[in-house]
Each structure stands twice: as structure tokens, then as C-alpha cells.
Amino acid sequence: MRRHEVDRLDPTRSHWVPAVVSPQRDWVGARGCRRGARFMVNLETLHPTRDEFDTFDSEQSCLQWIMQHRAQLNRNLPGATIRAVRLDRWLLGLD
């Protein structure tokens, strides 16, 4: 799914995504970014993204995915904490 397609999601349900915040300027996970830059995690590439993402139906399923891919996520996103967040709150900057 692309960010401009979020209006296709069911607004009566919560949607969860793995997300990460850049721990430093020019972070190795996203070269050229500023400290505190916010990204979702692309489920296929396991890299930060602002535009392409997939959602989970529950926080638990998102957390399970994060735990299953923990080793590779830590390699791709060094120094950052990967969290399960509600998509609507993340896109609004509330979480």
C-alpha cells in the first residue's frame, strides 16, 4: 500500500504498522535524514519508508512480526527502536 491510498483502509478498524524514529542525523538506516525523522518499516525490504507500507489488524500481530524479524531489523535499522504503532496516530504525528 502507498501512503496516498490510506483512504482505502476501513476507517472503523485500527491498523497497525511497525515504525521507527531516526536516532541521529544522517542515520545509516536512512542516509540524509534528520534526527527524529519518522518512518514506517517496509515489510518486504525491512528498510525505513515514508510511502510504501503494509498494515496489521492488531497490535499483537504487528509485535509478533517485529519479533520474528528482530535480527534483520536490528541490522538494517541500527540504534533505533522498532515499535508497533497505530497507523492513523502515526500519520498525524500523535504517536
N, C-alpha and C. Protein backbone atom coordinates (compact mmCIF):
# COMPACT_ATOMS: atom_id res chain seq x y z
N MET A 1 0.85 -1.17 0.00
CA MET A 1 0.00 0.00 0.00
C MET A 1 0.90 1.24 0.00
N ARG A 2 0.42 2.25 -0.65
CA ARG A 2 1.14 3.53 -0.66
C ARG A 2 0.39 4.52 0.23
N ARG A 3 1.14 5.48 0.71
CA ARG A 3 0.59 6.44 1.66
C ARG A 3 -0.64 7.16 1.11
N HIS A 4 -0.65 7.49 -0.17
CA HIS A 4 -1.79 8.21 -0.73
C HIS A 4 -3.03 7.32 -0.87
N GLU A 5 -2.90 6.03 -0.56
CA GLU A 5 -4.03 5.11 -0.64
C GLU A 5 -4.67 4.80 0.72
N VAL A 6 -4.28 5.51 1.77
CA VAL A 6 -4.80 5.21 3.10
C VAL A 6 -6.31 5.37 3.18
N ASP A 7 -6.90 6.16 2.30
CA ASP A 7 -8.35 6.33 2.34
C ASP A 7 -9.08 5.05 1.94
N ARG A 8 -8.37 4.07 1.42
CA ARG A 8 -8.98 2.78 1.06
C ARG A 8 -9.10 1.84 2.27
N LEU A 9 -8.43 2.18 3.34
CA LEU A 9 -8.49 1.34 4.55
C LEU A 9 -9.83 1.53 5.25
N ASP A 10 -10.28 0.50 5.93
CA ASP A 10 -11.54 0.54 6.67
C ASP A 10 -11.38 1.49 7.86
N PRO A 11 -12.11 2.59 7.88
CA PRO A 11 -11.96 3.58 8.96
C PRO A 11 -12.57 3.13 10.29
N THR A 12 -13.29 2.03 10.30
CA THR A 12 -13.91 1.55 11.53
C THR A 12 -12.98 0.63 12.32
N ARG A 13 -11.82 0.32 11.76
CA ARG A 13 -10.85 -0.57 12.41
C ARG A 13 -9.53 0.16 12.63
N SER A 14 -8.78 -0.33 13.59
CA SER A 14 -7.43 0.18 13.81
C SER A 14 -6.47 -0.60 12.92
N HIS A 15 -5.50 0.09 12.38
CA HIS A 15 -4.48 -0.53 11.54
C HIS A 15 -3.14 -0.24 12.18
N TRP A 16 -2.29 -1.25 12.25
CA TRP A 16 -1.01 -1.14 12.94
C TRP A 16 0.13 -1.32 11.95
N VAL A 17 1.22 -0.59 12.20
CA VAL A 17 2.42 -0.69 11.37
C VAL A 17 3.66 -0.69 12.26
N PRO A 18 4.72 -1.35 11.82
CA PRO A 18 5.99 -1.20 12.53
C PRO A 18 6.59 0.15 12.14
N ALA A 19 7.10 0.86 13.12
CA ALA A 19 7.61 2.21 12.87
C ALA A 19 8.92 2.42 13.63
N VAL A 20 9.67 3.40 13.16
CA VAL A 20 10.97 3.69 13.74
C VAL A 20 11.23 5.19 13.65
N VAL A 21 11.99 5.70 14.62
CA VAL A 21 12.40 7.10 14.63
C VAL A 21 13.92 7.14 14.52
N SER A 22 14.42 7.97 13.62
CA SER A 22 15.86 8.08 13.41
C SER A 22 16.55 8.54 14.70
N PRO A 23 17.52 7.77 15.19
CA PRO A 23 18.19 8.15 16.43
C PRO A 23 19.24 9.25 16.28
N GLN A 24 19.60 9.56 15.04
CA GLN A 24 20.62 10.58 14.80
C GLN A 24 20.52 11.14 13.39
N ARG A 25 21.17 12.26 13.20
CA ARG A 25 21.22 12.87 11.87
C ARG A 25 22.03 11.97 10.94
N ASP A 26 21.63 11.89 9.68
CA ASP A 26 22.30 11.07 8.68
C ASP A 26 22.47 9.63 9.15
N TRP A 27 21.43 9.12 9.75
CA TRP A 27 21.38 7.76 10.29
C TRP A 27 21.64 6.76 9.18
N VAL A 28 22.38 5.71 9.49
CA VAL A 28 22.73 4.69 8.49
C VAL A 28 21.48 4.01 7.92
N GLY A 29 20.40 3.95 8.68
CA GLY A 29 19.15 3.34 8.19
C GLY A 29 18.46 4.17 7.13
N ALA A 30 18.71 5.47 7.13
CA ALA A 30 18.09 6.38 6.15
C ALA A 30 19.03 7.57 5.95
N ARG A 31 20.00 7.38 5.11
CA ARG A 31 21.02 8.40 4.86
C ARG A 31 20.38 9.75 4.50
N GLY A 32 20.94 10.81 5.06
CA GLY A 32 20.47 12.16 4.76
C GLY A 32 19.31 12.63 5.61
N CYS A 33 18.81 11.79 6.50
CA CYS A 33 17.66 12.19 7.31
C CYS A 33 18.11 13.03 8.50
N ARG A 34 17.17 13.68 9.12
CA ARG A 34 17.44 14.45 10.33
C ARG A 34 17.19 13.56 11.55
N ARG A 35 17.76 13.95 12.68
CA ARG A 35 17.48 13.21 13.91
C ARG A 35 16.01 13.36 14.24
N GLY A 36 15.36 12.27 14.61
CA GLY A 36 13.94 12.30 14.94
C GLY A 36 13.02 12.10 13.74
N ALA A 37 13.59 11.87 12.56
CA ALA A 37 12.76 11.60 11.37
C ALA A 37 11.97 10.32 11.61
N ARG A 38 10.73 10.33 11.19
CA ARG A 38 9.81 9.22 11.45
C ARG A 38 9.58 8.40 10.19
N PHE A 39 9.66 7.07 10.35
CA PHE A 39 9.48 6.16 9.23
C PHE A 39 8.63 4.98 9.64
N MET A 40 7.96 4.40 8.67
CA MET A 40 7.37 3.09 8.84
C MET A 40 8.38 2.09 8.30
N VAL A 41 8.18 0.81 8.56
CA VAL A 41 9.10 -0.21 8.07
C VAL A 41 8.41 -0.98 6.94
N ASN A 42 9.09 -1.04 5.81
CA ASN A 42 8.58 -1.81 4.67
C ASN A 42 8.73 -3.29 5.01
N LEU A 43 7.64 -4.05 4.94
CA LEU A 43 7.65 -5.45 5.35
C LEU A 43 8.45 -6.34 4.42
N GLU A 44 8.63 -5.93 3.19
CA GLU A 44 9.38 -6.75 2.23
C GLU A 44 10.88 -6.48 2.32
N THR A 45 11.26 -5.21 2.37
CA THR A 45 12.67 -4.85 2.35
C THR A 45 13.26 -4.73 3.76
N LEU A 46 12.40 -4.56 4.76
CA LEU A 46 12.81 -4.33 6.14
C LEU A 46 13.65 -3.06 6.29
N HIS A 47 13.35 -2.08 5.44
CA HIS A 47 14.02 -0.78 5.49
C HIS A 47 12.99 0.30 5.80
N PRO A 48 13.46 1.45 6.27
CA PRO A 48 12.52 2.54 6.57
C PRO A 48 11.87 3.08 5.30
N THR A 49 10.62 3.48 5.44
CA THR A 49 9.87 4.04 4.32
C THR A 49 8.90 5.09 4.84
N ARG A 50 8.60 6.04 3.99
CA ARG A 50 7.56 7.02 4.33
C ARG A 50 6.33 6.81 3.46
N ASP A 51 6.48 5.99 2.43
CA ASP A 51 5.40 5.89 1.45
C ASP A 51 4.83 4.48 1.28
N GLU A 52 5.66 3.46 1.26
CA GLU A 52 5.17 2.09 0.99
C GLU A 52 5.16 1.28 2.27
N PHE A 53 3.99 0.76 2.62
CA PHE A 53 3.87 0.02 3.86
C PHE A 53 2.71 -0.96 3.78
N ASP A 54 2.70 -1.89 4.70
CA ASP A 54 1.59 -2.83 4.87
C ASP A 54 1.10 -2.70 6.30
N THR A 55 -0.14 -3.05 6.53
CA THR A 55 -0.72 -2.91 7.86
C THR A 55 -1.03 -4.26 8.47
N PHE A 56 -1.17 -4.24 9.78
CA PHE A 56 -1.59 -5.41 10.53
C PHE A 56 -2.94 -5.09 11.17
N ASP A 57 -3.72 -6.12 11.42
CA ASP A 57 -5.05 -5.94 12.01
C ASP A 57 -5.02 -5.69 13.51
N SER A 58 -3.91 -6.05 14.15
CA SER A 58 -3.84 -5.88 15.60
C SER A 58 -2.42 -5.52 16.02
N GLU A 59 -2.33 -4.94 17.18
CA GLU A 59 -1.01 -4.61 17.74
C GLU A 59 -0.22 -5.89 17.97
N GLN A 60 -0.91 -6.92 18.44
CA GLN A 60 -0.24 -8.19 18.72
C GLN A 60 0.39 -8.79 17.47
N SER A 61 -0.34 -8.80 16.36
CA SER A 61 0.22 -9.38 15.13
C SER A 61 1.40 -8.55 14.62
N CYS A 62 1.35 -7.24 14.80
CA CYS A 62 2.45 -6.38 14.40
C CYS A 62 3.67 -6.66 15.28
N LEU A 63 3.46 -6.78 16.59
CA LEU A 63 4.56 -7.09 17.50
C LEU A 63 5.16 -8.46 17.21
N GLN A 64 4.33 -9.42 16.87
CA GLN A 64 4.84 -10.75 16.51
C GLN A 64 5.73 -10.67 15.28
N TRP A 65 5.31 -9.89 14.29
CA TRP A 65 6.12 -9.73 13.08
C TRP A 65 7.47 -9.09 13.44
N ILE A 66 7.43 -8.07 14.27
CA ILE A 66 8.67 -7.40 14.69
C ILE A 66 9.60 -8.40 15.37
N MET A 67 9.06 -9.20 16.26
CA MET A 67 9.89 -10.19 16.98
C MET A 67 10.44 -11.25 16.03
N GLN A 68 9.65 -11.69 15.07
CA GLN A 68 10.11 -12.69 14.11
C GLN A 68 11.24 -12.18 13.23
N HIS A 69 11.28 -10.88 12.99
CA HIS A 69 12.28 -10.28 12.10
C HIS A 69 13.30 -9.43 12.87
N ARG A 70 13.34 -9.61 14.17
CA ARG A 70 14.16 -8.78 15.06
C ARG A 70 15.62 -8.70 14.63
N ALA A 71 16.24 -9.82 14.31
CA ALA A 71 17.67 -9.81 13.98
C ALA A 71 17.96 -8.98 12.73
N GLN A 72 17.18 -9.19 11.68
CA GLN A 72 17.41 -8.44 10.45
C GLN A 72 17.03 -6.97 10.61
N LEU A 73 15.98 -6.69 11.37
CA LEU A 73 15.61 -5.30 11.63
C LEU A 73 16.72 -4.57 12.38
N ASN A 74 17.33 -5.23 13.35
CA ASN A 74 18.43 -4.62 14.09
C ASN A 74 19.63 -4.36 13.19
N ARG A 75 19.86 -5.22 12.20
CA ARG A 75 20.95 -4.98 11.25
C ARG A 75 20.63 -3.82 10.32
N ASN A 76 19.39 -3.77 9.82
CA ASN A 76 19.00 -2.73 8.86
C ASN A 76 18.74 -1.38 9.51
N LEU A 77 18.34 -1.38 10.77
CA LEU A 77 17.93 -0.16 11.46
C LEU A 77 18.71 -0.01 12.77
N PRO A 78 20.05 0.04 12.70
CA PRO A 78 20.87 0.03 13.91
C PRO A 78 20.63 1.25 14.80
N GLY A 79 20.57 0.97 16.10
CA GLY A 79 20.42 2.04 17.07
C GLY A 79 19.01 2.56 17.25
N ALA A 80 18.07 2.04 16.49
CA ALA A 80 16.69 2.53 16.57
C ALA A 80 15.79 1.49 17.22
N THR A 81 14.74 1.97 17.84
CA THR A 81 13.74 1.10 18.44
C THR A 81 12.58 0.94 17.46
N ILE A 82 12.25 -0.29 17.11
CA ILE A 82 11.14 -0.56 16.21
C ILE A 82 9.92 -0.81 17.08
N ARG A 83 8.84 -0.06 16.82
CA ARG A 83 7.63 -0.16 17.63
C ARG A 83 6.42 -0.46 16.76
N ALA A 84 5.41 -1.05 17.37
CA ALA A 84 4.11 -1.21 16.72
C ALA A 84 3.29 0.03 17.07
N VAL A 85 2.81 0.73 16.04
CA VAL A 85 2.03 1.95 16.27
C VAL A 85 0.75 1.91 15.44
N ARG A 86 -0.26 2.61 15.93
CA ARG A 86 -1.48 2.74 15.14
C ARG A 86 -1.21 3.67 13.97
N LEU A 87 -1.56 3.24 12.78
CA LEU A 87 -1.26 4.00 11.56
C LEU A 87 -1.85 5.40 11.60
N ASP A 88 -3.10 5.54 12.00
CA ASP A 88 -3.73 6.87 11.99
C ASP A 88 -2.99 7.84 12.91
N ARG A 89 -2.63 7.41 14.10
CA ARG A 89 -1.90 8.27 15.04
C ARG A 89 -0.50 8.59 14.52
N TRP A 90 0.13 7.62 13.88
CA TRP A 90 1.48 7.83 13.36
C TRP A 90 1.47 8.87 12.24
N LEU A 91 0.52 8.74 11.33
CA LEU A 91 0.45 9.68 10.21
C LEU A 91 0.10 11.09 10.66
N LEU A 92 -0.62 11.20 11.77
CA LEU A 92 -0.97 12.51 12.31
C LEU A 92 0.12 13.08 13.23
N GLY A 93 1.15 12.30 13.49
CA GLY A 93 2.23 12.74 14.36
C GLY A 93 1.88 12.70 15.84
N LEU A 94 0.87 11.91 16.20
CA LEU A 94 0.43 11.84 17.58
C LEU A 94 1.12 10.72 18.36
N ASP A 95 1.80 9.86 17.68
CA ASP A 95 2.45 8.72 18.34
C ASP A 95 3.89 8.62 17.91
